[in-house]
Amino acid sequence: MVETTDASAPADRIRSSGDREVATYLEIARAREPGQVLTPAPNAPEAVVVLDYGSQFSMLIARRIREASVYSELIPWDAPASKLNHLKVKAFVLSGGPASVYEADAPTLPDYVINSGVPVLGICYGMQLLAHALGGRVDPADSREYGHAMLSVAEASSPLFKGLPASLPVWMSHGDHVVQLPVGFRAIAQSDNAPVAAMADDHGHVAIQFHPEVVHTPQGDQIIRNFLFEVAHCTGQWTAGNFVEESVAAIREAVGDGLVICALSGGVDSAVAASLVHAAIGDQLTCIFVDNGLLRLGEAEQVVTTFRQHLSMKLSHVDATERFLAQLAEVTDPETKRKRIGETFIRLFEEETRALGRVDFLVQGTTYPDVVESASTGNAGTAKIKTHHNVGGLPKDMRLTLIEPLRNLFKDEVRRVGKQLGLPDEMVYRQPFPGPGLAIRIIGEVTPRKLDILRRADHIVMDEIEKAQVYYELWQSFAVLTDTMSVGVQGDFRTYGHTIALRCVAAEDAMTADWARLPYDLLATISTRITNEVREVNRVVYDITSKPPGTIEWE
């Protein structure tokens, strides 16, 4: 997605709840029985579908395709063809995965992929699957090939390698390899441990044993672009400008003359979602900012001031601190925290609507990573990591119909849309803050005293991160109040105090993240200030866990 205005591009989804349903053309218009024929709806948007075979890089493939201004969706490998009828499929990409194609229970290639007649790109397991399904042979390799490898291009005229050198570094990760090509295919590249490192036929079917989507394949972006534009002949119309135009039209049509409320948190997701809906329906939207008592130091006042200054929309400020803390009393389980916070939000919004008259719609800033981590896509191969309060934490009997215009967007795409809508940089590039707030940064029960300790420590972290001018280099930086107490010495006295954990990560979209290598002097300054200024704390530790295996938040 780029920040331009082109011809039409797909609008995002508007999800429904209860017995009401509102949809743009990015959703299936009506339920259909599973089938094996692609029958796109009229005016369906151009898209490349990534079939997920369980690779840790599957989401990254979809990201790379979108970065080339082509819309892409990630779906389970066993989804029926009817699930794609909301799209005009220009090509399929088969992801990698942990299975071996010759195993009895290995994931298979849906008939509609080959029957569709559109180009197909197989990656790693996807290559082996394509070879196996079309009559080739895949065997275990003598040795696993993992890490950097040099690819030798055997067919310089191949459109997949257009503009690339005859030899290029790539990233391999496989234990099986193709030993016999399917009829009609030819080897177009090789590596030392993979005689068939890439293959192609004359019908738009190409496959590669390496991973072009990872940064370890330096020219992988060009290989993906070559497939999209030289093989699949995509037009590249997935832009921020088009997204805004089509989303505004779809929201306006869906809402009609109804009234809408928006759950405004102050973060970039809810800000962009509110701005998008406001652009569509104006004063039919009322934003409700709830101070749940779980915000950072001075944040409630800052959010109200910022939004009233930059966004000319109706804003209601509700202080519900006591209500939320009562719901969290004696609760220690992270999932229970999230669900109680989510339900309390919804109940409060339902009550607020009574003062506004008849309100049917609720806007939320749900994004694609939220959906995937909550395992709400229906992919049986996607494990539930945690419930996001605005995805899996909503009550089943909720009366309001959800509008989630950012549901299929990655964070960088959300920010591009925000810039397209004219939002200020301090709002668009603000570090993400979780919907459940500080409740999931306090291990164990949430109490007013613990919130006070964490707020003061977290304020020091943010202050020093901004002073060091690394705020915008980090995806998130914050403090966690652990449930660990330890012995210390402060002012020549023995203390038994709390332990604060620092969490600073770098990431592109929060699906994966790496711990930030902050300067030792910066870490020392933060630690010294916290133990000096927050007397209840006598120990500070730094979390050096990447995601995976950890998550960014501790709960």
Protein backbone atom coordinates (compact mmCIF):
# COMPACT_ATOMS: atom_id res chain seq x y z
CA MET A 1 0.00 0.00 0.00
CA VAL A 2 1.37 3.41 -0.96
CA GLU A 3 0.11 6.90 -0.23
CA THR A 4 -1.35 7.77 -3.61
CA THR A 5 -4.77 8.00 -5.17
CA ASP A 6 -5.35 5.59 -8.00
CA ALA A 7 -8.24 3.68 -9.50
CA SER A 8 -10.46 1.75 -7.13
CA ALA A 9 -8.97 -0.63 -4.59
CA PRO A 10 -10.68 -2.91 -2.10
CA ALA A 11 -12.37 -1.48 0.93
CA ASP A 12 -11.90 -3.26 4.23
CA ARG A 13 -14.42 -5.33 6.05
CA ILE A 14 -17.24 -4.24 8.27
CA ARG A 15 -17.91 -7.15 10.56
CA SER A 16 -21.21 -7.93 12.17
CA SER A 17 -22.43 -9.12 15.55
CA GLY A 18 -25.67 -10.66 16.74
CA ASP A 19 -28.36 -11.14 14.12
CA ARG A 20 -27.39 -8.11 12.02
CA GLU A 21 -24.89 -8.18 9.21
CA VAL A 22 -23.21 -5.41 7.29
CA ALA A 23 -20.57 -6.10 4.66
CA THR A 24 -18.49 -4.48 1.98
CA TYR A 25 -17.46 -6.37 -1.11
CA LEU A 26 -14.43 -7.75 0.72
CA GLU A 27 -16.78 -10.19 2.46
CA ILE A 28 -18.87 -12.94 1.01
CA ALA A 29 -22.26 -11.47 0.23
CA ARG A 30 -24.17 -14.60 1.15
CA ALA A 31 -23.43 -18.03 2.56
CA ARG A 32 -22.66 -20.70 -0.03
CA GLU A 33 -22.00 -24.39 0.12
CA PRO A 34 -18.29 -25.28 -0.17
CA GLY A 35 -17.24 -25.87 -3.74
CA GLN A 36 -14.19 -26.20 -5.91
CA VAL A 37 -14.87 -23.48 -8.46
CA LEU A 38 -13.90 -19.85 -8.10
CA THR A 39 -16.86 -17.61 -8.93
CA PRO A 40 -15.95 -14.05 -7.93
CA ALA A 41 -18.73 -11.61 -7.19
CA PRO A 42 -19.26 -8.65 -9.53
CA ASN A 43 -16.76 -5.85 -8.90
CA ALA A 44 -14.63 -8.15 -6.74
CA PRO A 45 -11.22 -6.56 -6.09
CA GLU A 46 -7.99 -7.88 -7.53
CA ALA A 47 -6.08 -9.97 -4.99
CA VAL A 48 -3.37 -12.55 -4.49
CA VAL A 49 -4.36 -15.32 -2.09
CA VAL A 50 -1.74 -16.86 0.19
CA LEU A 51 -2.63 -20.39 1.30
CA ASP A 52 -1.26 -20.94 4.80
CA TYR A 53 0.46 -24.29 5.32
CA GLY A 54 1.74 -23.44 8.79
CA SER A 55 4.93 -21.50 8.09
CA GLN A 56 6.06 -18.93 10.64
CA PHE A 57 6.51 -16.63 7.63
CA SER A 58 3.02 -16.98 6.13
CA MET A 59 1.84 -13.60 7.39
CA LEU A 60 5.06 -12.05 6.15
CA ILE A 61 4.35 -13.25 2.60
CA ALA A 62 1.03 -11.39 2.64
CA ARG A 63 2.81 -8.28 3.95
CA ARG A 64 5.42 -8.36 1.19
CA ILE A 65 2.73 -8.65 -1.47
CA ARG A 66 0.85 -5.67 -0.06
CA GLU A 67 4.08 -3.69 0.08
CA ALA A 68 4.13 -4.07 -3.71
CA SER A 69 0.69 -2.35 -3.82
CA VAL A 70 -1.17 -5.60 -4.48
CA TYR A 71 -3.94 -6.64 -2.10
CA SER A 72 -3.40 -10.02 -0.46
CA GLU A 73 -5.27 -12.22 2.01
CA LEU A 74 -3.98 -15.16 4.04
CA ILE A 75 -6.39 -18.10 4.28
CA PRO A 76 -6.15 -21.68 5.59
CA TRP A 77 -4.96 -24.20 3.00
CA ASP A 78 -8.16 -26.23 3.43
CA ALA A 79 -10.59 -23.33 2.94
CA PRO A 80 -13.20 -24.10 0.26
CA ALA A 81 -13.30 -22.13 -2.98
CA SER A 82 -16.49 -20.39 -1.85
CA LYS A 83 -14.47 -18.54 0.78
CA LEU A 84 -12.68 -16.68 -2.03
CA ASN A 85 -15.70 -15.50 -3.97
CA HIS A 86 -15.33 -11.99 -2.54
CA LEU A 87 -12.06 -11.65 -4.46
CA LYS A 88 -10.92 -11.61 -8.06
CA VAL A 89 -7.97 -13.96 -7.58
CA LYS A 90 -5.05 -13.02 -9.81
CA ALA A 91 -2.66 -15.60 -8.34
CA PHE A 92 -2.09 -18.07 -5.53
CA VAL A 93 0.94 -18.33 -3.28
CA LEU A 94 1.54 -21.58 -1.39
CA SER A 95 3.40 -20.92 1.85
CA GLY A 96 6.03 -23.02 3.54
CA GLY A 97 5.19 -25.38 6.37
CA PRO A 98 6.57 -28.03 8.74
CA ALA A 99 5.03 -31.10 7.06
CA SER A 100 6.44 -33.47 4.43
CA VAL A 101 4.28 -33.96 1.33
CA TYR A 102 4.76 -37.74 1.30
CA GLU A 103 3.28 -38.18 4.79
CA ALA A 104 -0.22 -39.66 4.94
CA ASP A 105 -1.74 -36.70 6.81
CA ALA A 106 0.19 -33.95 5.02
CA PRO A 107 -1.75 -30.83 3.93
CA THR A 108 -2.78 -31.06 0.28
CA LEU A 109 -3.29 -28.76 -2.68
CA PRO A 110 -6.94 -27.76 -3.26
CA ASP A 111 -8.24 -28.65 -6.72
CA TYR A 112 -9.43 -25.12 -7.34
CA VAL A 113 -5.87 -23.76 -7.25
CA ILE A 114 -4.80 -25.58 -10.40
CA ASN A 115 -8.29 -25.50 -11.95
CA SER A 116 -8.44 -21.72 -11.58
CA GLY A 117 -5.98 -21.21 -14.42
CA VAL A 118 -4.24 -18.36 -12.58
CA PRO A 119 -0.49 -18.31 -11.81
CA VAL A 120 0.78 -20.12 -8.73
CA LEU A 121 3.94 -19.51 -6.70
CA GLY A 122 5.05 -22.29 -4.38
CA ILE A 123 7.48 -21.43 -1.57
CA CYS A 124 9.46 -24.13 0.26
CA TYR A 125 6.77 -26.65 1.27
CA GLY A 126 4.62 -24.96 -1.34
CA MET A 127 7.14 -25.92 -4.00
CA GLN A 128 7.30 -29.51 -2.85
CA LEU A 129 3.50 -29.65 -2.69
CA LEU A 130 3.14 -28.31 -6.23
CA ALA A 131 5.66 -30.85 -7.52
CA HIS A 132 4.02 -33.70 -5.64
CA ALA A 133 0.48 -32.79 -6.69
CA LEU A 134 1.42 -32.54 -10.37
CA GLY A 135 3.20 -35.89 -10.54
CA GLY A 136 6.75 -35.05 -9.49
CA ARG A 137 8.68 -36.67 -6.67
CA VAL A 138 9.83 -35.31 -3.32
CA ASP A 139 12.25 -37.17 -1.05
CA PRO A 140 14.09 -36.43 2.20
CA ALA A 141 17.40 -34.71 1.55
CA ASP A 142 20.65 -36.23 2.80
CA SER A 143 21.17 -33.17 4.96
CA ARG A 144 18.92 -30.32 6.01
CA GLU A 145 19.63 -27.00 4.32
CA TYR A 146 19.08 -24.17 6.77
CA GLY A 147 20.42 -20.63 6.53
CA HIS A 148 22.23 -18.71 3.85
CA ALA A 149 22.81 -20.30 0.44
CA MET A 150 23.89 -19.11 -2.97
CA LEU A 151 21.35 -19.51 -5.74
CA SER A 152 22.57 -20.06 -9.30
CA VAL A 153 20.01 -19.00 -11.91
CA ALA A 154 19.95 -21.54 -14.75
CA GLU A 155 17.36 -19.77 -16.91
CA ALA A 156 18.22 -16.10 -17.24
CA SER A 157 15.13 -15.46 -19.36
CA SER A 158 12.78 -16.54 -16.58
CA PRO A 159 10.45 -13.66 -15.65
CA LEU A 160 10.84 -14.64 -11.99
CA PHE A 161 14.48 -13.55 -12.04
CA LYS A 162 14.11 -10.55 -14.33
CA GLY A 163 16.67 -7.86 -13.54
CA LEU A 164 18.53 -10.07 -11.07
CA PRO A 165 22.11 -11.40 -11.28
CA ALA A 166 22.96 -14.98 -12.21
CA SER A 167 24.01 -15.67 -8.63
CA LEU A 168 22.29 -14.31 -5.54
CA PRO A 169 22.13 -15.03 -1.78
CA VAL A 170 18.93 -16.61 -0.45
CA TRP A 171 17.59 -18.10 2.79
CA MET A 172 16.86 -21.83 2.86
CA SER A 173 14.99 -23.86 5.46
CA HIS A 174 14.09 -27.38 4.31
CA GLY A 175 14.76 -31.06 4.91
CA ASP A 176 13.04 -32.39 1.75
CA HIS A 177 13.73 -31.61 -1.87
CA VAL A 178 12.32 -32.21 -5.35
CA VAL A 179 14.13 -35.11 -7.04
CA GLN A 180 11.86 -35.52 -10.06
CA LEU A 181 10.16 -32.64 -11.85
CA PRO A 182 6.51 -32.88 -12.88
CA VAL A 183 5.83 -33.21 -16.59
CA GLY A 184 6.17 -29.86 -18.33
CA PHE A 185 8.38 -28.29 -15.65
CA ARG A 186 12.04 -27.35 -15.91
CA ALA A 187 14.62 -26.39 -13.30
CA ILE A 188 15.37 -22.67 -13.49
CA ALA A 189 17.76 -22.36 -10.51
CA GLN A 190 19.84 -24.50 -8.18
CA SER A 191 21.95 -24.32 -5.03
CA ASP A 192 24.71 -26.56 -3.67
CA ASN A 193 22.25 -28.69 -1.68
CA ALA A 194 19.17 -28.27 -3.88
CA PRO A 195 19.63 -29.29 -7.55
CA VAL A 196 16.09 -28.00 -8.11
CA ALA A 197 15.98 -24.76 -6.13
CA ALA A 198 13.40 -23.25 -8.49
CA MET A 199 11.16 -24.69 -11.19
CA ALA A 200 8.61 -23.40 -13.69
CA ASP A 201 6.33 -24.46 -16.51
CA ASP A 202 4.79 -22.47 -19.37
CA HIS A 203 1.42 -21.97 -17.63
CA GLY A 204 2.40 -19.54 -14.86
CA HIS A 205 3.28 -22.18 -12.28
CA VAL A 206 6.58 -21.37 -10.58
CA ALA A 207 8.09 -22.62 -7.33
CA ILE A 208 11.13 -21.86 -5.23
CA GLN A 209 12.78 -23.80 -2.42
CA PHE A 210 14.02 -20.68 -0.60
CA HIS A 211 12.14 -17.93 1.27
CA PRO A 212 11.96 -14.61 -0.62
CA GLU A 213 9.79 -13.00 2.06
CA VAL A 214 12.49 -12.84 4.76
CA VAL A 215 15.13 -10.12 5.01
CA HIS A 216 17.82 -12.81 4.81
CA THR A 217 17.03 -13.05 1.08
CA PRO A 218 18.20 -9.52 0.15
CA GLN A 219 16.59 -9.49 -3.30
CA GLY A 220 13.50 -11.39 -2.23
CA ASP A 221 11.26 -8.34 -2.64
CA GLN A 222 12.24 -8.13 -6.31
CA ILE A 223 11.50 -11.83 -6.82
CA ILE A 224 8.03 -11.35 -5.31
CA ARG A 225 7.44 -8.27 -7.45
CA ASN A 226 8.54 -10.17 -10.54
CA PHE A 227 5.99 -12.87 -9.81
CA LEU A 228 3.25 -10.31 -9.20
CA PHE A 229 3.85 -8.14 -12.25
CA GLU A 230 5.78 -10.29 -14.75
CA VAL A 231 4.00 -13.61 -14.16
CA ALA A 232 0.60 -12.76 -12.64
CA HIS A 233 0.28 -9.35 -14.38
CA CYS A 234 -1.21 -7.61 -11.35
CA THR A 235 -2.02 -3.92 -11.69
CA GLY A 236 -0.82 -2.75 -8.27
CA GLN A 237 -3.77 -0.61 -7.19
CA TRP A 238 -3.72 -1.33 -3.45
CA THR A 239 -3.05 2.20 -2.14
CA ALA A 240 -3.89 4.22 0.93
CA GLY A 241 -5.86 6.68 -1.18
CA ASN A 242 -7.94 3.99 -2.80
CA PHE A 243 -8.53 2.27 0.53
CA VAL A 244 -9.86 5.48 2.07
CA GLU A 245 -12.09 6.24 -0.91
CA GLU A 246 -13.64 2.79 -1.08
CA SER A 247 -13.95 2.39 2.70
CA VAL A 248 -15.69 5.73 3.09
CA ALA A 249 -18.21 4.77 0.41
CA ALA A 250 -18.81 1.33 1.93
CA ILE A 251 -19.24 2.69 5.48
CA ARG A 252 -21.60 5.42 4.30
CA GLU A 253 -23.77 2.89 2.49
CA ALA A 254 -23.75 0.44 5.39
CA VAL A 255 -24.63 2.95 8.12
CA GLY A 256 -27.20 4.97 6.19
CA ASP A 257 -28.76 7.51 8.55
CA GLY A 258 -27.93 5.50 11.67
CA LEU A 259 -25.93 6.69 14.65
CA VAL A 260 -22.50 5.32 15.47
CA ILE A 261 -20.27 5.39 18.54
CA CYS A 262 -16.53 4.79 18.52
CA ALA A 263 -14.46 3.24 21.27
CA LEU A 264 -11.63 5.77 21.35
CA SER A 265 -8.50 4.72 23.21
CA GLY A 266 -6.09 7.41 22.08
CA GLY A 267 -3.92 4.98 20.12
CA VAL A 268 -3.29 5.11 16.39
CA ASP A 269 -5.71 2.27 15.55
CA SER A 270 -8.79 3.79 17.15
CA ALA A 271 -7.80 7.26 15.93
CA VAL A 272 -7.55 6.16 12.31
CA ALA A 273 -10.73 4.08 12.56
CA ALA A 274 -12.62 7.05 14.02
CA SER A 275 -11.27 9.42 11.37
CA LEU A 276 -12.23 7.04 8.58
CA VAL A 277 -15.77 6.65 9.86
CA HIS A 278 -16.06 10.39 10.53
CA ALA A 279 -15.03 11.09 6.93
CA ALA A 280 -17.93 8.88 5.84
CA ILE A 281 -20.77 9.98 8.13
CA GLY A 282 -19.67 13.16 9.94
CA ASP A 283 -21.72 14.08 13.01
CA GLN A 284 -23.54 10.74 12.97
CA LEU A 285 -20.43 9.55 14.85
CA THR A 286 -19.87 10.18 18.54
CA CYS A 287 -16.52 9.15 20.00
CA ILE A 288 -16.50 7.90 23.57
CA PHE A 289 -13.23 8.00 25.43
CA VAL A 290 -13.33 5.84 28.54
CA ASP A 291 -10.85 6.41 31.33
CA ASN A 292 -10.80 2.89 32.69
CA GLY A 293 -8.23 3.70 35.35
CA LEU A 294 -5.70 1.55 33.49
CA LEU A 295 -4.02 4.34 31.50
CA ARG A 296 -0.53 5.76 31.83
CA LEU A 297 0.39 8.84 33.84
CA GLY A 298 -1.47 11.90 32.51
CA GLU A 299 -2.75 9.99 29.50
CA ALA A 300 -6.47 10.66 29.94
CA GLU A 301 -5.98 14.42 29.89
CA GLN A 302 -3.57 14.17 26.94
CA VAL A 303 -5.98 12.09 24.85
CA VAL A 304 -8.91 14.46 25.41
CA THR A 305 -6.81 17.51 24.57
CA THR A 306 -5.26 15.95 21.47
CA PHE A 307 -8.48 14.65 19.97
CA ARG A 308 -10.48 17.79 20.58
CA GLN A 309 -7.66 19.84 19.04
CA HIS A 310 -6.99 17.73 15.92
CA LEU A 311 -10.27 15.92 15.24
CA SER A 312 -13.39 18.02 14.84
CA MET A 313 -15.77 15.36 16.06
CA LYS A 314 -18.08 14.85 19.00
CA LEU A 315 -16.19 13.44 22.00
CA SER A 316 -17.64 12.19 25.29
CA HIS A 317 -15.22 11.60 28.17
CA VAL A 318 -16.33 8.97 30.71
CA ASP A 319 -14.44 8.26 33.95
CA ALA A 320 -15.18 4.62 34.79
CA THR A 321 -12.13 3.89 36.94
CA GLU A 322 -14.00 2.47 39.92
CA ARG A 323 -16.17 0.26 37.72
CA PHE A 324 -13.24 -1.37 35.94
CA LEU A 325 -11.18 -1.87 39.09
CA ALA A 326 -14.16 -3.51 40.77
CA GLN A 327 -14.38 -5.99 37.89
CA LEU A 328 -10.67 -6.78 38.24
CA ALA A 329 -10.64 -7.23 42.00
CA GLU A 330 -8.94 -10.51 43.01
CA VAL A 331 -8.50 -11.49 39.33
CA THR A 332 -5.06 -12.89 38.48
CA ASP A 333 -5.64 -14.88 35.26
CA PRO A 334 -4.64 -12.84 32.15
CA GLU A 335 -7.47 -14.17 29.97
CA THR A 336 -10.04 -13.36 32.64
CA LYS A 337 -8.64 -9.83 32.88
CA ARG A 338 -8.98 -9.30 29.14
CA LYS A 339 -12.50 -10.70 28.96
CA ARG A 340 -13.77 -8.70 31.93
CA ILE A 341 -12.27 -5.51 30.53
CA GLY A 342 -13.80 -6.21 27.11
CA GLU A 343 -17.23 -6.94 28.53
CA THR A 344 -17.15 -3.92 30.83
CA PHE A 345 -16.29 -1.69 27.86
CA ILE A 346 -19.23 -3.00 25.87
CA ARG A 347 -21.71 -2.74 28.73
CA LEU A 348 -20.60 0.82 29.33
CA PHE A 349 -20.96 1.73 25.65
CA GLU A 350 -24.41 0.21 25.56
CA GLU A 351 -25.38 2.38 28.52
CA GLU A 352 -23.92 5.49 26.87
CA THR A 353 -26.02 4.92 23.77
CA ARG A 354 -29.22 5.39 25.77
CA ALA A 355 -28.35 9.05 26.20
CA LEU A 356 -27.73 9.43 22.48
CA GLY A 357 -30.92 7.82 21.26
CA ARG A 358 -31.02 4.83 18.96
CA VAL A 359 -27.44 3.72 18.22
CA ASP A 360 -26.74 0.53 16.33
CA PHE A 361 -23.05 0.61 15.43
CA LEU A 362 -19.80 0.44 17.37
CA VAL A 363 -16.46 1.33 15.73
CA GLN A 364 -13.28 -0.40 16.90
CA GLY A 365 -9.68 -0.20 15.74
CA THR A 366 -9.15 -3.95 15.40
CA THR A 367 -6.21 -4.80 13.10
CA TYR A 368 -5.03 -7.96 11.35
CA PRO A 369 -2.47 -9.01 14.01
CA ASP A 370 -5.23 -8.73 16.67
CA VAL A 371 -7.40 -11.11 14.67
CA VAL A 372 -4.64 -13.63 13.99
CA GLU A 373 -3.42 -13.76 17.60
CA SER A 374 -6.97 -14.29 18.79
CA ALA A 375 -7.30 -17.12 16.24
CA SER A 376 -10.55 -15.72 14.90
CA THR A 377 -9.77 -16.34 11.23
CA GLY A 378 -11.00 -19.92 11.36
CA ASN A 379 -7.60 -21.36 10.48
CA ALA A 380 -7.30 -24.65 12.27
CA GLY A 381 -3.53 -24.34 12.00
CA THR A 382 -3.44 -21.03 13.85
CA ALA A 383 -3.03 -21.42 17.59
CA LYS A 384 -4.81 -19.00 19.90
CA ILE A 385 -2.10 -16.86 21.47
CA LYS A 386 -4.30 -14.62 23.61
CA THR A 387 -7.69 -12.97 23.53
CA HIS A 388 -7.63 -9.36 22.37
CA HIS A 389 -10.28 -7.44 24.29
CA ASN A 390 -11.84 -6.15 21.06
CA VAL A 391 -11.80 -9.52 19.26
CA GLY A 392 -12.41 -12.48 21.53
CA GLY A 393 -13.28 -10.56 24.68
CA LEU A 394 -16.63 -9.20 23.52
CA PRO A 395 -19.84 -10.59 25.04
CA LYS A 396 -21.83 -12.89 22.76
CA ASP A 397 -25.09 -11.07 23.46
CA MET A 398 -23.70 -7.69 22.48
CA ARG A 399 -26.46 -5.61 20.87
CA LEU A 400 -24.27 -3.23 18.84
CA THR A 401 -23.09 -4.11 15.33
CA LEU A 402 -19.33 -3.80 14.94
CA ILE A 403 -17.65 -1.66 12.30
CA GLU A 404 -13.98 -2.61 12.08
CA PRO A 405 -12.63 -0.82 9.00
CA LEU A 406 -8.98 -1.69 9.76
CA ARG A 407 -9.57 -5.38 10.45
CA ASN A 408 -7.47 -6.56 7.49
CA LEU A 409 -4.66 -4.00 7.82
CA PHE A 410 -1.17 -4.30 9.24
CA LYS A 411 0.06 -1.49 11.49
CA ASP A 412 2.17 0.16 8.79
CA GLU A 413 -0.88 0.21 6.51
CA VAL A 414 -2.96 1.77 9.29
CA ARG A 415 -0.37 4.53 9.61
CA ARG A 416 -0.39 5.18 5.86
CA VAL A 417 -4.16 5.50 5.97
CA GLY A 418 -3.81 7.88 8.93
CA LYS A 419 -1.44 10.09 6.96
CA GLN A 420 -3.80 9.97 3.98
CA LEU A 421 -6.57 11.22 6.30
CA GLY A 422 -4.36 14.09 7.46
CA LEU A 423 -3.73 13.01 11.05
CA PRO A 424 -0.69 14.56 12.79
CA ASP A 425 2.56 12.60 13.11
CA GLU A 426 2.42 12.51 16.91
CA MET A 427 -0.83 10.60 16.62
CA VAL A 428 0.02 8.39 13.63
CA TYR A 429 3.45 7.28 14.84
CA ARG A 430 2.62 6.86 18.50
CA GLN A 431 3.77 3.56 19.98
CA PRO A 432 0.92 1.04 20.34
CA PHE A 433 -0.77 0.76 23.72
CA PRO A 434 -2.89 -2.31 24.52
CA GLY A 435 -6.63 -1.98 24.93
CA PRO A 436 -6.59 -3.58 28.41
CA GLY A 437 -3.98 -0.99 29.36
CA LEU A 438 -1.77 -1.41 32.40
CA ALA A 439 -3.88 -4.35 33.61
CA ILE A 440 -1.83 -6.71 31.46
CA ARG A 441 1.43 -5.07 32.54
CA ILE A 442 0.75 -5.91 36.18
CA ILE A 443 1.37 -9.57 36.89
CA GLY A 444 -1.31 -10.80 39.27
CA GLU A 445 -4.15 -8.80 40.78
CA VAL A 446 -4.61 -5.18 39.66
CA THR A 447 -4.89 -2.75 42.58
CA PRO A 448 -4.77 1.07 42.84
CA ARG A 449 -1.42 0.83 44.66
CA LYS A 450 0.15 -1.35 41.96
CA LEU A 451 -1.18 0.94 39.24
CA ASP A 452 0.43 3.92 40.96
CA ILE A 453 3.80 2.14 41.19
CA LEU A 454 3.70 1.07 37.56
CA ARG A 455 2.61 4.50 36.27
CA ARG A 456 5.54 6.22 37.93
CA ALA A 457 8.04 3.63 36.68
CA ASP A 458 6.59 3.59 33.16
CA HIS A 459 6.71 7.40 32.99
CA ILE A 460 10.44 7.27 33.69
CA VAL A 461 10.96 4.69 30.95
CA MET A 462 9.13 6.82 28.36
CA ASP A 463 10.87 10.01 29.49
CA GLU A 464 14.35 8.54 29.07
CA ILE A 465 13.47 6.78 25.78
CA GLU A 466 12.32 10.12 24.35
CA LYS A 467 15.36 11.97 25.71
CA ALA A 468 17.62 9.41 24.01
CA GLN A 469 15.74 10.03 20.74
CA VAL A 470 15.01 6.35 20.17
CA TYR A 471 11.23 6.52 20.68
CA TYR A 472 10.40 6.24 16.97
CA GLU A 473 12.99 3.51 16.43
CA LEU A 474 11.12 1.20 18.80
CA TRP A 475 7.83 -0.56 18.27
CA GLN A 476 7.06 -0.42 21.99
CA SER A 477 8.88 0.50 25.17
CA PHE A 478 7.33 0.13 28.60
CA ALA A 479 7.61 -1.13 32.17
CA VAL A 480 6.04 -4.25 33.65
CA LEU A 481 5.31 -4.65 37.37
CA THR A 482 6.17 -8.28 38.03
CA ASP A 483 4.91 -10.39 40.92
CA THR A 484 8.48 -10.90 42.15
CA MET A 485 9.67 -9.32 45.41
CA SER A 486 13.35 -9.23 46.26
CA VAL A 487 15.75 -8.09 48.95
CA GLY A 488 17.62 -4.85 48.34
CA VAL A 489 19.63 -2.12 50.05
CA GLN A 490 18.39 1.47 49.77
CA GLY A 491 19.80 4.24 51.93
CA ASP A 492 21.76 1.74 54.06
CA PHE A 493 18.52 -0.03 54.93
CA ARG A 494 17.39 -3.51 53.96
CA THR A 495 14.35 -3.41 51.70
CA TYR A 496 11.98 -5.99 50.32
CA GLY A 497 10.64 -4.38 47.19
CA HIS A 498 9.03 -4.90 43.81
CA THR A 499 10.81 -5.88 40.60
CA ILE A 500 10.19 -3.87 37.44
CA ALA A 501 10.88 -5.43 34.05
CA LEU A 502 11.74 -3.23 31.07
CA ARG A 503 10.35 -4.32 27.70
CA CYS A 504 11.63 -2.58 24.56
CA VAL A 505 11.17 -4.20 21.16
CA ALA A 506 11.66 -3.48 17.47
CA ALA A 507 9.10 -4.82 15.00
CA GLU A 508 7.32 -4.17 11.71
CA ASP A 509 3.81 -5.33 12.58
CA ALA A 510 3.92 -7.05 16.00
CA MET A 511 3.52 -10.50 14.46
CA THR A 512 7.22 -10.94 15.20
CA ALA A 513 9.51 -8.72 17.28
CA ASP A 514 13.08 -8.57 18.51
CA TRP A 515 14.29 -7.14 21.80
CA ALA A 516 15.96 -3.77 21.37
CA ARG A 517 19.71 -3.51 21.91
CA LEU A 518 19.57 -0.30 23.92
CA PRO A 519 22.81 1.36 25.04
CA TYR A 520 23.97 0.25 28.46
CA ASP A 521 24.15 3.86 29.66
CA LEU A 522 20.48 4.34 28.79
CA LEU A 523 19.47 1.18 30.62
CA ALA A 524 21.56 2.24 33.62
CA THR A 525 19.90 5.66 33.71
CA ILE A 526 16.41 4.16 33.58
CA SER A 527 17.24 1.65 36.32
CA THR A 528 18.80 4.28 38.58
CA ARG A 529 15.90 6.67 38.21
CA ILE A 530 13.26 4.00 38.88
CA THR A 531 14.95 2.66 42.03
CA ASN A 532 15.57 6.21 43.28
CA GLU A 533 12.25 7.80 42.39
CA VAL A 534 9.88 4.85 42.86
CA ARG A 535 10.74 3.82 46.39
CA GLU A 536 8.61 0.66 46.30
CA VAL A 537 10.95 -0.78 43.62
CA ASN A 538 14.44 -2.04 44.41
CA ARG A 539 15.25 -4.10 41.32
CA VAL A 540 15.01 -3.53 37.54
CA VAL A 541 15.53 -6.27 34.93
CA TYR A 542 15.58 -6.09 31.12
CA ASP A 543 13.55 -8.57 29.04
CA ILE A 544 15.71 -9.89 26.19
CA THR A 545 13.13 -12.31 24.79
CA SER A 546 12.12 -12.05 21.13
CA LYS A 547 8.69 -12.85 19.70
CA PRO A 548 8.49 -15.77 19.23
CA PRO A 549 8.99 -17.49 21.64
CA GLY A 550 7.58 -14.77 23.89
CA THR A 551 4.85 -12.22 23.18
CA ILE A 552 5.43 -8.48 23.38
CA GLU A 553 3.12 -7.99 26.35
CA TRP A 554 3.70 -10.17 29.40
CA GLU A 555 0.03 -11.09 29.72
